[in-house]
């Protein structure tokens, strides 16, 4: 048996995605698969900002792949770092997975934008028991939220008093939505979420349903009159999460309680962080960075543990998947690269998009 596959590939970095990305066809002959290899069929692969940064260059160098199929190909990089696959064939020596299992790549730079892939068991994490919609996006945004909440504070107050607080900008982002769920439901930590001006009542209500205790606009948060104590009633603001590196950073730092920590995990709104150094000095504040990619390369087993924990949380209903836009890949004569380029353009206008195969 053999299958024909398609991959979205590139050989040089750049931001002109329509010019740089192309479709590469390949074939996988199951009879030629090595004993320690598996054949995977793509089920769903997201398009994330980090994927675009990788293609542009300077962010998480991509791998060169010369074995898309069972016949060698010219070395190419494949776009995408996240996605869920179904195991459709296993080599004789593979014992940890079987046909029908759902799996995701363990490490970044797997090159997920392809309809089929060849992998080894050590490349993968099983995600059986949750929906394809949940598994497709489990590896980046919920994993980022979970690891941040466990990496920088190890002694959350869990006595039910609600004394501990988190303040986060980029409140409408996928990461923030998972922070609100995990912080409130697992650790009993309150969340104040800062969103851009002009969000609708429905959007704000949705954030509160996910767990944010309060949602405030950027203009209100940045105002000199803003007083965090009016919201926290004197609670301990232990983490301020910065996903945008924009004008709200100074107010995030002002909102921290003594010995609090500012954690920067994104730069979508800018590349400079500015705040009053006196606050850091006199309140003994810490400034830390978080990059899931570096965490995963540095400690792959922690990433595996994170995914396993998130699967449990989904199964118990303690977290729910955050809505995104689904895009269908029909296969056949449809050009996968063109579909990805078109979807990238749409994602810049209307948020996270995921291609379903």
C-alpha atoms as a PDB file:
ATOM      1  CA  UNK A   1       0.000   0.000   0.000  1.00  0.00           C
ATOM      2  CA  UNK A   2       1.145   3.549  -0.667  1.00  0.00           C
ATOM      3  CA  UNK A   3      -0.258   7.054  -0.249  1.00  0.00           C
ATOM      4  CA  UNK A   4       0.316  10.314  -2.085  1.00  0.00           C
ATOM      5  CA  UNK A   5       1.015  13.332   0.084  1.00  0.00           C
ATOM      6  CA  UNK A   6       1.424  17.089  -0.241  1.00  0.00           C
ATOM      7  CA  UNK A   7       3.521  19.467   1.869  1.00  0.00           C
ATOM      8  CA  UNK A   8       3.844  23.253   2.105  1.00  0.00           C
ATOM      9  CA  UNK A   9       7.559  23.805   1.647  1.00  0.00           C
ATOM     10  CA  UNK A  10      10.154  26.566   1.286  1.00  0.00           C
ATOM     11  CA  UNK A  11      13.914  26.838   0.846  1.00  0.00           C
ATOM     12  CA  UNK A  12      14.592  30.504   1.626  1.00  0.00           C
ATOM     13  CA  UNK A  13      13.189  32.734   4.371  1.00  0.00           C
ATOM     14  CA  UNK A  14      11.004  35.745   3.683  1.00  0.00           C
ATOM     15  CA  UNK A  15       7.663  37.427   4.249  1.00  0.00           C
ATOM     16  CA  UNK A  16       6.235  37.144   0.719  1.00  0.00           C
ATOM     17  CA  UNK A  17       4.437  33.919   1.515  1.00  0.00           C
ATOM     18  CA  UNK A  18       2.766  33.615  -1.893  1.00  0.00           C
ATOM     19  CA  UNK A  19       6.192  33.598  -3.533  1.00  0.00           C
ATOM     20  CA  UNK A  20       8.139  31.618  -0.963  1.00  0.00           C
ATOM     21  CA  UNK A  21       5.724  28.796  -0.137  1.00  0.00           C
ATOM     22  CA  UNK A  22       5.059  26.045  -2.649  1.00  0.00           C
ATOM     23  CA  UNK A  23       3.462  22.625  -2.710  1.00  0.00           C
ATOM     24  CA  UNK A  24       5.734  19.587  -2.825  1.00  0.00           C
ATOM     25  CA  UNK A  25       4.212  16.220  -3.702  1.00  0.00           C
ATOM     26  CA  UNK A  26       5.604  12.945  -2.375  1.00  0.00           C
ATOM     27  CA  UNK A  27       4.718   9.282  -1.994  1.00  0.00           C
ATOM     28  CA  UNK A  28       4.964   6.944   0.991  1.00  0.00           C
ATOM     29  CA  UNK A  29       5.276   3.212   0.270  1.00  0.00           C
ATOM     30  CA  UNK A  30       4.309   1.348   3.428  1.00  0.00           C
ATOM     31  CA  UNK A  31       6.467  -1.609   2.400  1.00  0.00           C
ATOM     32  CA  UNK A  32       9.546   0.659   2.608  1.00  0.00           C
ATOM     33  CA  UNK A  33       8.822   2.040   6.075  1.00  0.00           C
ATOM     34  CA  UNK A  34      11.539   1.174   8.609  1.00  0.00           C
ATOM     35  CA  UNK A  35      10.699  -1.004  11.591  1.00  0.00           C
ATOM     36  CA  UNK A  36      10.868   1.935  14.039  1.00  0.00           C
ATOM     37  CA  UNK A  37       8.804   4.326  11.912  1.00  0.00           C
ATOM     38  CA  UNK A  38       5.118   5.262  11.715  1.00  0.00           C
ATOM     39  CA  UNK A  39       3.054   6.788   8.933  1.00  0.00           C
ATOM     40  CA  UNK A  40       0.783   9.634   9.987  1.00  0.00           C
ATOM     41  CA  UNK A  41      -2.218  11.171   8.260  1.00  0.00           C
ATOM     42  CA  UNK A  42      -2.884  14.833   9.046  1.00  0.00           C
ATOM     43  CA  UNK A  43      -6.200  15.593  10.721  1.00  0.00           C
ATOM     44  CA  UNK A  44      -5.823  19.292  11.529  1.00  0.00           C
ATOM     45  CA  UNK A  45      -2.929  21.778  11.515  1.00  0.00           C
ATOM     46  CA  UNK A  46      -3.171  25.357  12.843  1.00  0.00           C
ATOM     47  CA  UNK A  47      -1.531  28.490  11.511  1.00  0.00           C
ATOM     48  CA  UNK A  48       0.162  30.339  14.368  1.00  0.00           C
ATOM     49  CA  UNK A  49       2.084  33.644  14.442  1.00  0.00           C
ATOM     50  CA  UNK A  50       5.202  31.672  15.417  1.00  0.00           C
ATOM     51  CA  UNK A  51       4.885  29.647  12.191  1.00  0.00           C
ATOM     52  CA  UNK A  52       5.031  32.845  10.167  1.00  0.00           C
ATOM     53  CA  UNK A  53       7.955  34.143  12.204  1.00  0.00           C
ATOM     54  CA  UNK A  54       9.826  30.946  11.479  1.00  0.00           C
ATOM     55  CA  UNK A  55       9.274  31.311   7.727  1.00  0.00           C
ATOM     56  CA  UNK A  56      10.273  34.976   7.784  1.00  0.00           C
ATOM     57  CA  UNK A  57      13.482  34.028   9.592  1.00  0.00           C
ATOM     58  CA  UNK A  58      15.219  34.699  12.874  1.00  0.00           C
ATOM     59  CA  UNK A  59      12.804  32.618  14.943  1.00  0.00           C
ATOM     60  CA  UNK A  60      13.243  28.929  15.716  1.00  0.00           C
ATOM     61  CA  UNK A  61      15.295  27.791  12.722  1.00  0.00           C
ATOM     62  CA  UNK A  62      13.395  25.223  10.616  1.00  0.00           C
ATOM     63  CA  UNK A  63      14.677  21.762   9.811  1.00  0.00           C
ATOM     64  CA  UNK A  64      15.662  20.645   6.334  1.00  0.00           C
ATOM     65  CA  UNK A  65      13.745  17.511   5.368  1.00  0.00           C
ATOM     66  CA  UNK A  66      14.905  15.217   2.574  1.00  0.00           C
ATOM     67  CA  UNK A  67      12.623  12.279   3.347  1.00  0.00           C
ATOM     68  CA  UNK A  68       9.063  13.565   3.032  1.00  0.00           C
ATOM     69  CA  UNK A  69       8.237  10.228   1.449  1.00  0.00           C
ATOM     70  CA  UNK A  70      10.036   6.924   1.054  1.00  0.00           C
ATOM     71  CA  UNK A  71      12.012   8.248  -1.901  1.00  0.00           C
ATOM     72  CA  UNK A  72      14.557  11.023  -1.264  1.00  0.00           C
ATOM     73  CA  UNK A  73      13.654  14.606  -2.147  1.00  0.00           C
ATOM     74  CA  UNK A  74      15.686  17.778  -2.404  1.00  0.00           C
ATOM     75  CA  UNK A  75      16.059  19.208   1.136  1.00  0.00           C
ATOM     76  CA  UNK A  76      13.180  21.556   1.990  1.00  0.00           C
ATOM     77  CA  UNK A  77      11.665  23.086   5.091  1.00  0.00           C
ATOM     78  CA  UNK A  78       8.019  22.385   5.845  1.00  0.00           C
ATOM     79  CA  UNK A  79       5.876  25.060   7.470  1.00  0.00           C
ATOM     80  CA  UNK A  80       3.965  24.584  10.690  1.00  0.00           C
ATOM     81  CA  UNK A  81       4.819  23.566  14.247  1.00  0.00           C
ATOM     82  CA  UNK A  82       1.508  22.297  15.590  1.00  0.00           C
ATOM     83  CA  UNK A  83      -1.078  19.744  14.507  1.00  0.00           C
ATOM     84  CA  UNK A  84      -2.747  16.422  15.167  1.00  0.00           C
ATOM     85  CA  UNK A  85      -2.342  13.256  13.116  1.00  0.00           C
ATOM     86  CA  UNK A  86      -3.822   9.779  12.947  1.00  0.00           C
ATOM     87  CA  UNK A  87      -1.478   6.801  12.891  1.00  0.00           C
ATOM     88  CA  UNK A  88      -2.224   4.824   9.714  1.00  0.00           C
ATOM     89  CA  UNK A  89       0.749   2.442   9.688  1.00  0.00           C
ATOM     90  CA  UNK A  90       3.333   1.267  12.228  1.00  0.00           C
ATOM     91  CA  UNK A  91       6.659  -0.473  11.726  1.00  0.00           C
ATOM     92  CA  UNK A  92       7.220  -3.908  13.232  1.00  0.00           C
ATOM     93  CA  UNK A  93       9.298  -2.573  16.148  1.00  0.00           C
ATOM     94  CA  UNK A  94       6.845   0.132  17.231  1.00  0.00           C
ATOM     95  CA  UNK A  95       5.120  -0.796  20.469  1.00  0.00           C
ATOM     96  CA  UNK A  96       3.969   2.514  21.973  1.00  0.00           C
ATOM     97  CA  UNK A  97       1.432   3.395  19.260  1.00  0.00           C
ATOM     98  CA  UNK A  98      -1.024   1.538  17.071  1.00  0.00           C
ATOM     99  CA  UNK A  99      -3.079   2.246  13.984  1.00  0.00           C
ATOM    100  CA  UNK A 100      -5.912   4.623  14.805  1.00  0.00           C
ATOM    101  CA  UNK A 101      -4.114   6.497  17.582  1.00  0.00           C
ATOM    102  CA  UNK A 102      -4.146  10.296  17.521  1.00  0.00           C
ATOM    103  CA  UNK A 103      -0.757  11.920  18.050  1.00  0.00           C
ATOM    104  CA  UNK A 104       0.949  15.319  18.000  1.00  0.00           C
ATOM    105  CA  UNK A 105       4.629  16.180  17.485  1.00  0.00           C
ATOM    106  CA  UNK A 106       6.644  16.471  20.695  1.00  0.00           C
ATOM    107  CA  UNK A 107       9.162  19.046  19.434  1.00  0.00           C
ATOM    108  CA  UNK A 108       8.793  22.238  17.384  1.00  0.00           C
ATOM    109  CA  UNK A 109       9.948  22.403  13.746  1.00  0.00           C
ATOM    110  CA  UNK A 110       8.254  19.112  12.878  1.00  0.00           C
ATOM    111  CA  UNK A 111       6.819  20.698   9.750  1.00  0.00           C
ATOM    112  CA  UNK A 112       3.126  20.042  10.271  1.00  0.00           C
ATOM    113  CA  UNK A 113       1.704  21.563   7.089  1.00  0.00           C
ATOM    114  CA  UNK A 114       1.622  18.282   5.172  1.00  0.00           C
ATOM    115  CA  UNK A 115      -1.077  15.746   4.545  1.00  0.00           C
ATOM    116  CA  UNK A 116       1.072  12.749   5.508  1.00  0.00           C
ATOM    117  CA  UNK A 117       4.266  12.368   7.506  1.00  0.00           C
ATOM    118  CA  UNK A 118       6.802   9.744   8.512  1.00  0.00           C
ATOM    119  CA  UNK A 119       7.947   9.803  12.148  1.00  0.00           C
ATOM    120  CA  UNK A 120       9.384   7.708  14.945  1.00  0.00           C
ATOM    121  CA  UNK A 121       7.618   7.047  18.235  1.00  0.00           C
ATOM    122  CA  UNK A 122      10.001   9.318  20.154  1.00  0.00           C
ATOM    123  CA  UNK A 123       8.844  12.230  17.947  1.00  0.00           C
ATOM    124  CA  UNK A 124       5.252  11.946  19.185  1.00  0.00           C
ATOM    125  CA  UNK A 125       2.843  12.359  22.107  1.00  0.00           C
ATOM    126  CA  UNK A 126      -0.462  10.494  22.198  1.00  0.00           C
ATOM    127  CA  UNK A 127      -3.652  12.541  22.536  1.00  0.00           C
ATOM    128  CA  UNK A 128      -6.370   9.906  22.432  1.00  0.00           C
ATOM    129  CA  UNK A 129      -9.597  10.613  24.245  1.00  0.00           C
ATOM    130  CA  UNK A 130     -10.157  14.234  23.249  1.00  0.00           C
ATOM    131  CA  UNK A 131     -11.675  15.768  20.137  1.00  0.00           C
ATOM    132  CA  UNK A 132      -9.703  16.578  17.010  1.00  0.00           C
ATOM    133  CA  UNK A 133     -10.583  20.230  17.585  1.00  0.00           C
ATOM    134  CA  UNK A 134      -8.966  20.110  21.014  1.00  0.00           C
ATOM    135  CA  UNK A 135      -5.957  18.035  19.992  1.00  0.00           C
ATOM    136  CA  UNK A 136      -5.178  20.282  17.018  1.00  0.00           C
ATOM    137  CA  UNK A 137      -4.289  23.234  19.246  1.00  0.00           C
ATOM    138  CA  UNK A 138      -3.225  21.593  22.510  1.00  0.00           C
ATOM    139  CA  UNK A 139       0.496  21.929  21.899  1.00  0.00           C
ATOM    140  CA  UNK A 140       0.975  25.724  21.909  1.00  0.00           C
ATOM    141  CA  UNK A 141      -1.585  27.999  23.576  1.00  0.00           C
ATOM    142  CA  UNK A 142      -2.913  25.811  26.421  1.00  0.00           C
ATOM    143  CA  UNK A 143       0.596  24.426  26.944  1.00  0.00           C
ATOM    144  CA  UNK A 144       1.969  27.964  27.241  1.00  0.00           C
ATOM    145  CA  UNK A 145      -0.702  28.876  29.794  1.00  0.00           C
ATOM    146  CA  UNK A 146      -0.159  25.727  31.851  1.00  0.00           C
ATOM    147  CA  UNK A 147       3.620  26.024  31.947  1.00  0.00           C
ATOM    148  CA  UNK A 148       3.602  29.730  32.829  1.00  0.00           C
ATOM    149  CA  UNK A 149       1.288  29.058  35.758  1.00  0.00           C
ATOM    150  CA  UNK A 150       3.553  26.272  37.011  1.00  0.00           C
ATOM    151  CA  UNK A 151       6.992  27.688  36.242  1.00  0.00           C
ATOM    152  CA  UNK A 152       6.983  31.025  38.055  1.00  0.00           C
ATOM    153  CA  UNK A 153       4.801  30.375  41.117  1.00  0.00           C
ATOM    154  CA  UNK A 154       4.923  27.086  42.998  1.00  0.00           C
ATOM    155  CA  UNK A 155       2.851  27.979  46.044  1.00  0.00           C
ATOM    156  CA  UNK A 156      -0.464  29.383  44.848  1.00  0.00           C
ATOM    157  CA  UNK A 157      -2.861  30.031  47.730  1.00  0.00           C
ATOM    158  CA  UNK A 158      -5.429  27.243  47.367  1.00  0.00           C
ATOM    159  CA  UNK A 159      -7.393  27.749  50.579  1.00  0.00           C
ATOM    160  CA  UNK A 160     -10.390  29.098  48.685  1.00  0.00           C
ATOM    161  CA  UNK A 161      -9.873  32.663  49.855  1.00  0.00           C
ATOM    162  CA  UNK A 162      -9.094  33.956  46.357  1.00  0.00           C
ATOM    163  CA  UNK A 163      -6.240  36.082  47.672  1.00  0.00           C
ATOM    164  CA  UNK A 164      -3.883  35.411  44.738  1.00  0.00           C
ATOM    165  CA  UNK A 165      -4.266  37.337  41.491  1.00  0.00           C
ATOM    166  CA  UNK A 166      -2.961  37.414  37.941  1.00  0.00           C
ATOM    167  CA  UNK A 167      -3.180  40.433  35.651  1.00  0.00           C
ATOM    168  CA  UNK A 168      -2.770  39.828  31.935  1.00  0.00           C
ATOM    169  CA  UNK A 169      -2.773  41.964  28.806  1.00  0.00           C
ATOM    170  CA  UNK A 170      -3.755  40.491  25.414  1.00  0.00           C
ATOM    171  CA  UNK A 171      -6.845  39.363  27.266  1.00  0.00           C
ATOM    172  CA  UNK A 172      -8.658  38.193  24.158  1.00  0.00           C
ATOM    173  CA  UNK A 173      -5.759  36.015  22.999  1.00  0.00           C
ATOM    174  CA  UNK A 174      -5.900  32.246  23.017  1.00  0.00           C
ATOM    175  CA  UNK A 175      -3.185  32.019  25.691  1.00  0.00           C
ATOM    176  CA  UNK A 176      -5.028  34.413  28.009  1.00  0.00           C
ATOM    177  CA  UNK A 177      -8.257  32.472  27.597  1.00  0.00           C
ATOM    178  CA  UNK A 178      -6.512  29.309  28.756  1.00  0.00           C
ATOM    179  CA  UNK A 179      -4.760  31.173  31.585  1.00  0.00           C
ATOM    180  CA  UNK A 180      -8.161  32.260  32.884  1.00  0.00           C
ATOM    181  CA  UNK A 181      -9.503  28.709  32.778  1.00  0.00           C
ATOM    182  CA  UNK A 182      -6.527  26.964  34.339  1.00  0.00           C
ATOM    183  CA  UNK A 183      -5.771  29.629  36.958  1.00  0.00           C
ATOM    184  CA  UNK A 184      -9.309  29.831  38.285  1.00  0.00           C
ATOM    185  CA  UNK A 185     -10.378  26.207  38.001  1.00  0.00           C
ATOM    186  CA  UNK A 186      -7.190  24.445  39.075  1.00  0.00           C
ATOM    187  CA  UNK A 187      -5.593  26.888  41.471  1.00  0.00           C
ATOM    188  CA  UNK A 188      -8.364  29.209  42.635  1.00  0.00           C
ATOM    189  CA  UNK A 189      -6.443  32.237  41.380  1.00  0.00           C
ATOM    190  CA  UNK A 190      -8.353  35.335  40.247  1.00  0.00           C
ATOM    191  CA  UNK A 191      -7.638  36.873  36.845  1.00  0.00           C
ATOM    192  CA  UNK A 192      -8.002  40.470  35.692  1.00  0.00           C
ATOM    193  CA  UNK A 193      -7.898  40.515  31.907  1.00  0.00           C
ATOM    194  CA  UNK A 194      -6.976  43.611  29.891  1.00  0.00           C
ATOM    195  CA  UNK A 195      -8.400  43.864  26.362  1.00  0.00           C
ATOM    196  CA  UNK A 196      -8.160  46.365  23.558  1.00  0.00           C
ATOM    197  CA  UNK A 197     -10.723  49.153  23.507  1.00  0.00           C
ATOM    198  CA  UNK A 198     -13.938  48.509  21.613  1.00  0.00           C
ATOM    199  CA  UNK A 199     -14.549  44.872  22.538  1.00  0.00           C
ATOM    200  CA  UNK A 200     -18.227  43.952  22.451  1.00  0.00           C
ATOM    201  CA  UNK A 201     -20.290  42.995  25.483  1.00  0.00           C
ATOM    202  CA  UNK A 202     -20.498  39.458  24.082  1.00  0.00           C
ATOM    203  CA  UNK A 203     -16.700  39.181  23.865  1.00  0.00           C
ATOM    204  CA  UNK A 204     -16.290  40.449  27.419  1.00  0.00           C
ATOM    205  CA  UNK A 205     -18.972  38.072  28.705  1.00  0.00           C
ATOM    206  CA  UNK A 206     -17.206  35.182  26.986  1.00  0.00           C
ATOM    207  CA  UNK A 207     -13.931  36.000  28.775  1.00  0.00           C
ATOM    208  CA  UNK A 208     -15.769  36.059  32.091  1.00  0.00           C
ATOM    209  CA  UNK A 209     -17.404  32.723  31.323  1.00  0.00           C
ATOM    210  CA  UNK A 210     -13.924  31.280  30.760  1.00  0.00           C
ATOM    211  CA  UNK A 211     -12.855  32.464  34.195  1.00  0.00           C
ATOM    212  CA  UNK A 212     -11.717  36.103  34.111  1.00  0.00           C
ATOM    213  CA  UNK A 213     -13.099  37.800  37.222  1.00  0.00           C
ATOM    214  CA  UNK A 214     -12.770  41.267  35.697  1.00  0.00           C
ATOM    215  CA  UNK A 215     -12.219  42.505  32.153  1.00  0.00           C
ATOM    216  CA  UNK A 216     -11.019  46.078  31.630  1.00  0.00           C
ATOM    217  CA  UNK A 217     -10.088  48.060  28.520  1.00  0.00           C
ATOM    218  CA  UNK A 218      -6.549  49.172  27.752  1.00  0.00           C
ATOM    219  CA  UNK A 219      -7.447  52.850  28.060  1.00  0.00           C
ATOM    220  CA  UNK A 220      -8.921  52.306  31.524  1.00  0.00           C
ATOM    221  CA  UNK A 221      -5.982  50.141  32.595  1.00  0.00           C
ATOM    222  CA  UNK A 222      -3.400  52.649  31.338  1.00  0.00           C
ATOM    223  CA  UNK A 223      -5.117  55.579  33.020  1.00  0.00           C
ATOM    224  CA  UNK A 224      -3.248  57.247  35.888  1.00  0.00           C
ATOM    225  CA  UNK A 225      -6.447  56.895  37.920  1.00  0.00           C
ATOM    226  CA  UNK A 226      -6.566  53.117  37.602  1.00  0.00           C
ATOM    227  CA  UNK A 227      -6.301  51.474  41.027  1.00  0.00           C
ATOM    228  CA  UNK A 228      -5.768  47.718  41.002  1.00  0.00           C
ATOM    229  CA  UNK A 229      -6.752  47.496  44.678  1.00  0.00           C
ATOM    230  CA  UNK A 230     -10.349  48.411  43.798  1.00  0.00           C
ATOM    231  CA  UNK A 231     -10.563  45.132  41.922  1.00  0.00           C
ATOM    232  CA  UNK A 232      -8.413  42.873  44.081  1.00  0.00           C
ATOM    233  CA  UNK A 233      -9.547  44.231  47.477  1.00  0.00           C
ATOM    234  CA  UNK A 234      -5.946  44.155  48.583  1.00  0.00           C
ATOM    235  CA  UNK A 235      -5.215  40.712  47.153  1.00  0.00           C
ATOM    236  CA  UNK A 236      -1.753  39.556  46.161  1.00  0.00           C
ATOM    237  CA  UNK A 237      -1.049  40.216  42.460  1.00  0.00           C
ATOM    238  CA  UNK A 238       1.706  37.681  41.957  1.00  0.00           C
ATOM    239  CA  UNK A 239       1.949  37.478  38.175  1.00  0.00           C
ATOM    240  CA  UNK A 240       1.578  40.058  35.423  1.00  0.00           C
ATOM    241  CA  UNK A 241       1.522  38.361  32.029  1.00  0.00           C
ATOM    242  CA  UNK A 242       2.717  40.312  28.997  1.00  0.00           C
ATOM    243  CA  UNK A 243       1.735  38.811  25.669  1.00  0.00           C
ATOM    244  CA  UNK A 244       1.937  41.979  23.579  1.00  0.00           C
ATOM    245  CA  UNK A 245       4.810  44.189  24.826  1.00  0.00           C
ATOM    246  CA  UNK A 246       2.775  47.335  24.199  1.00  0.00           C
ATOM    247  CA  UNK A 247       1.748  50.396  26.202  1.00  0.00           C
ATOM    248  CA  UNK A 248       0.105  48.289  28.902  1.00  0.00           C
ATOM    249  CA  UNK A 249       3.400  46.917  30.255  1.00  0.00           C
ATOM    250  CA  UNK A 250       3.994  49.903  32.553  1.00  0.00           C
ATOM    251  CA  UNK A 251       0.525  49.452  34.047  1.00  0.00           C
ATOM    252  CA  UNK A 252       1.107  45.704  34.440  1.00  0.00           C
ATOM    253  CA  UNK A 253       4.187  46.460  36.537  1.00  0.00           C
ATOM    254  CA  UNK A 254       2.302  49.077  38.584  1.00  0.00           C
ATOM    255  CA  UNK A 255      -0.357  46.458  39.329  1.00  0.00           C
ATOM    256  CA  UNK A 256       2.041  43.902  40.788  1.00  0.00           C
ATOM    257  CA  UNK A 257       2.205  43.397  44.524  1.00  0.00           C
ATOM    258  CA  UNK A 258       5.497  43.201  46.382  1.00  0.00           C
ATOM    259  CA  UNK A 259       7.724  40.340  45.167  1.00  0.00           C
ATOM    260  CA  UNK A 260       5.554  39.958  42.056  1.00  0.00           C
ATOM    261  CA  UNK A 261       6.791  38.836  38.652  1.00  0.00           C
ATOM    262  CA  UNK A 262       6.312  40.266  35.169  1.00  0.00           C
ATOM    263  CA  UNK A 263       6.426  37.434  32.610  1.00  0.00           C
ATOM    264  CA  UNK A 264       6.815  38.322  28.933  1.00  0.00           C
ATOM    265  CA  UNK A 265       5.757  35.611  26.500  1.00  0.00           C
ATOM    266  CA  UNK A 266       4.916  37.589  23.343  1.00  0.00           C
ATOM    267  CA  UNK A 267       5.902  40.626  21.302  1.00  0.00           C
ATOM    268  CA  UNK A 268       2.983  40.986  18.894  1.00  0.00           C
ATOM    269  CA  UNK A 269       2.346  44.608  19.901  1.00  0.00           C
ATOM    270  CA  UNK A 270       5.922  45.861  20.003  1.00  0.00           C
ATOM    271  CA  UNK A 271       9.510  45.062  20.912  1.00  0.00           C
ATOM    272  CA  UNK A 272      10.167  47.446  23.798  1.00  0.00           C
ATOM    273  CA  UNK A 273       9.298  47.007  27.462  1.00  0.00           C
ATOM    274  CA  UNK A 274       9.234  50.232  29.479  1.00  0.00           C
ATOM    275  CA  UNK A 275       8.235  50.760  33.103  1.00  0.00           C
ATOM    276  CA  UNK A 276       9.223  52.725  36.187  1.00  0.00           C
ATOM    277  CA  UNK A 277      12.434  51.173  37.546  1.00  0.00           C
ATOM    278  CA  UNK A 278      11.627  52.486  41.011  1.00  0.00           C
ATOM    279  CA  UNK A 279       8.766  49.998  41.204  1.00  0.00           C
ATOM    280  CA  UNK A 280      11.110  47.118  40.505  1.00  0.00           C
ATOM    281  CA  UNK A 281      13.587  48.378  43.079  1.00  0.00           C
ATOM    282  CA  UNK A 282      11.260  49.215  45.943  1.00  0.00           C
ATOM    283  CA  UNK A 283       8.723  46.392  45.434  1.00  0.00           C
ATOM    284  CA  UNK A 284      11.379  43.770  44.691  1.00  0.00           C
ATOM    285  CA  UNK A 285       9.776  42.847  41.381  1.00  0.00           C
ATOM    286  CA  UNK A 286      11.194  40.288  38.957  1.00  0.00           C
ATOM    287  CA  UNK A 287      11.127  40.390  35.171  1.00  0.00           C
ATOM    288  CA  UNK A 288      11.199  37.027  33.421  1.00  0.00           C
ATOM    289  CA  UNK A 289      10.729  35.667  29.928  1.00  0.00           C
ATOM    290  CA  UNK A 290       8.859  32.602  28.773  1.00  0.00           C
ATOM    291  CA  UNK A 291       9.322  30.916  25.409  1.00  0.00           C
ATOM    292  CA  UNK A 292       7.597  27.570  24.985  1.00  0.00           C
ATOM    293  CA  UNK A 293       9.961  26.552  22.174  1.00  0.00           C
ATOM    294  CA  UNK A 294      13.041  26.941  24.389  1.00  0.00           C
ATOM    295  CA  UNK A 295      11.273  25.155  27.251  1.00  0.00           C
ATOM    296  CA  UNK A 296      10.410  22.247  24.993  1.00  0.00           C
ATOM    297  CA  UNK A 297      13.900  21.836  23.576  1.00  0.00           C
ATOM    298  CA  UNK A 298      15.389  22.210  27.049  1.00  0.00           C
ATOM    299  CA  UNK A 299      13.046  19.731  28.721  1.00  0.00           C
ATOM    300  CA  UNK A 300      11.035  17.616  26.262  1.00  0.00           C
ATOM    301  CA  UNK A 301       9.636  15.460  29.047  1.00  0.00           C
ATOM    302  CA  UNK A 302       8.046  18.492  30.706  1.00  0.00           C
ATOM    303  CA  UNK A 303       6.279  19.162  27.407  1.00  0.00           C
ATOM    304  CA  UNK A 304       5.085  15.548  27.319  1.00  0.00           C
ATOM    305  CA  UNK A 305       3.851  15.856  30.925  1.00  0.00           C
ATOM    306  CA  UNK A 306       2.138  19.144  30.051  1.00  0.00           C
ATOM    307  CA  UNK A 307       0.239  17.615  27.134  1.00  0.00           C
ATOM    308  CA  UNK A 308      -0.767  14.586  29.195  1.00  0.00           C
ATOM    309  CA  UNK A 309      -2.084  16.879  31.943  1.00  0.00           C
ATOM    310  CA  UNK A 310      -4.021  19.000  29.449  1.00  0.00           C
ATOM    311  CA  UNK A 311      -5.608  15.882  27.960  1.00  0.00           C
ATOM    312  CA  UNK A 312      -6.797  14.971  31.461  1.00  0.00           C
ATOM    313  CA  UNK A 313      -8.207  18.468  31.999  1.00  0.00           C
ATOM    314  CA  UNK A 314     -10.109  18.293  28.716  1.00  0.00           C
ATOM    315  CA  UNK A 315     -11.451  14.859  29.550  1.00  0.00           C
ATOM    316  CA  UNK A 316     -12.657  16.021  32.971  1.00  0.00           C
ATOM    317  CA  UNK A 317     -14.243  19.126  31.489  1.00  0.00           C
ATOM    318  CA  UNK A 318     -12.063  21.447  33.565  1.00  0.00           C
ATOM    319  CA  UNK A 319     -10.981  23.317  30.441  1.00  0.00           C
ATOM    320  CA  UNK A 320     -12.766  23.790  27.132  1.00  0.00           C
ATOM    321  CA  UNK A 321     -11.361  24.481  23.707  1.00  0.00           C
ATOM    322  CA  UNK A 322     -11.330  28.084  22.548  1.00  0.00           C
ATOM    323  CA  UNK A 323     -13.194  28.758  19.273  1.00  0.00           C
ATOM    324  CA  UNK A 324     -11.261  29.264  16.048  1.00  0.00           C
ATOM    325  CA  UNK A 325     -12.001  29.240  12.319  1.00  0.00           C
ATOM    326  CA  UNK A 326     -11.910  25.901  10.498  1.00  0.00           C
ATOM    327  CA  UNK A 327     -10.665  25.686   6.915  1.00  0.00           C
ATOM    328  CA  UNK A 328     -11.188  22.536   4.827  1.00  0.00           C
ATOM    329  CA  UNK A 329      -8.471  20.990   2.676  1.00  0.00           C
ATOM    330  CA  UNK A 330     -10.153  18.782   0.104  1.00  0.00           C
ATOM    331  CA  UNK A 331      -7.034  17.091  -1.246  1.00  0.00           C
ATOM    332  CA  UNK A 332      -6.886  15.898  -4.821  1.00  0.00           C
ATOM    333  CA  UNK A 333      -6.077  18.746  -7.167  1.00  0.00           C
ATOM    334  CA  UNK A 334      -6.371  21.452  -4.504  1.00  0.00           C
ATOM    335  CA  UNK A 335      -3.039  23.205  -3.957  1.00  0.00           C
ATOM    336  CA  UNK A 336      -2.223  22.959  -0.241  1.00  0.00           C
ATOM    337  CA  UNK A 337       0.301  25.799  -0.379  1.00  0.00           C
ATOM    338  CA  UNK A 338      -2.193  28.179  -1.959  1.00  0.00           C
ATOM    339  CA  UNK A 339      -4.761  27.229   0.673  1.00  0.00           C
ATOM    340  CA  UNK A 340      -2.247  27.994   3.419  1.00  0.00           C
ATOM    341  CA  UNK A 341      -1.288  31.348   1.876  1.00  0.00           C
ATOM    342  CA  UNK A 342      -4.948  32.342   1.596  1.00  0.00           C
ATOM    343  CA  UNK A 343      -5.584  31.205   5.162  1.00  0.00           C
ATOM    344  CA  UNK A 344      -2.615  33.194   6.469  1.00  0.00           C
ATOM    345  CA  UNK A 345      -4.177  36.324   4.994  1.00  0.00           C
ATOM    346  CA  UNK A 346      -7.507  35.553   6.637  1.00  0.00           C
ATOM    347  CA  UNK A 347      -5.918  34.771  10.002  1.00  0.00           C
ATOM    348  CA  UNK A 348      -4.362  38.226  10.130  1.00  0.00           C
ATOM    349  CA  UNK A 349      -7.858  39.693   9.920  1.00  0.00           C
ATOM    350  CA  UNK A 350      -9.923  37.358  12.052  1.00  0.00           C
ATOM    351  CA  UNK A 351      -7.771  35.362  14.456  1.00  0.00           C
ATOM    352  CA  UNK A 352      -6.673  31.751  14.675  1.00  0.00           C
ATOM    353  CA  UNK A 353      -7.375  29.464  11.727  1.00  0.00           C
ATOM    354  CA  UNK A 354      -6.913  25.682  11.567  1.00  0.00           C
ATOM    355  CA  UNK A 355      -6.809  23.593   8.394  1.00  0.00           C
ATOM    356  CA  UNK A 356      -8.747  20.309   8.591  1.00  0.00           C
ATOM    357  CA  UNK A 357      -7.768  17.499   6.215  1.00  0.00           C
END
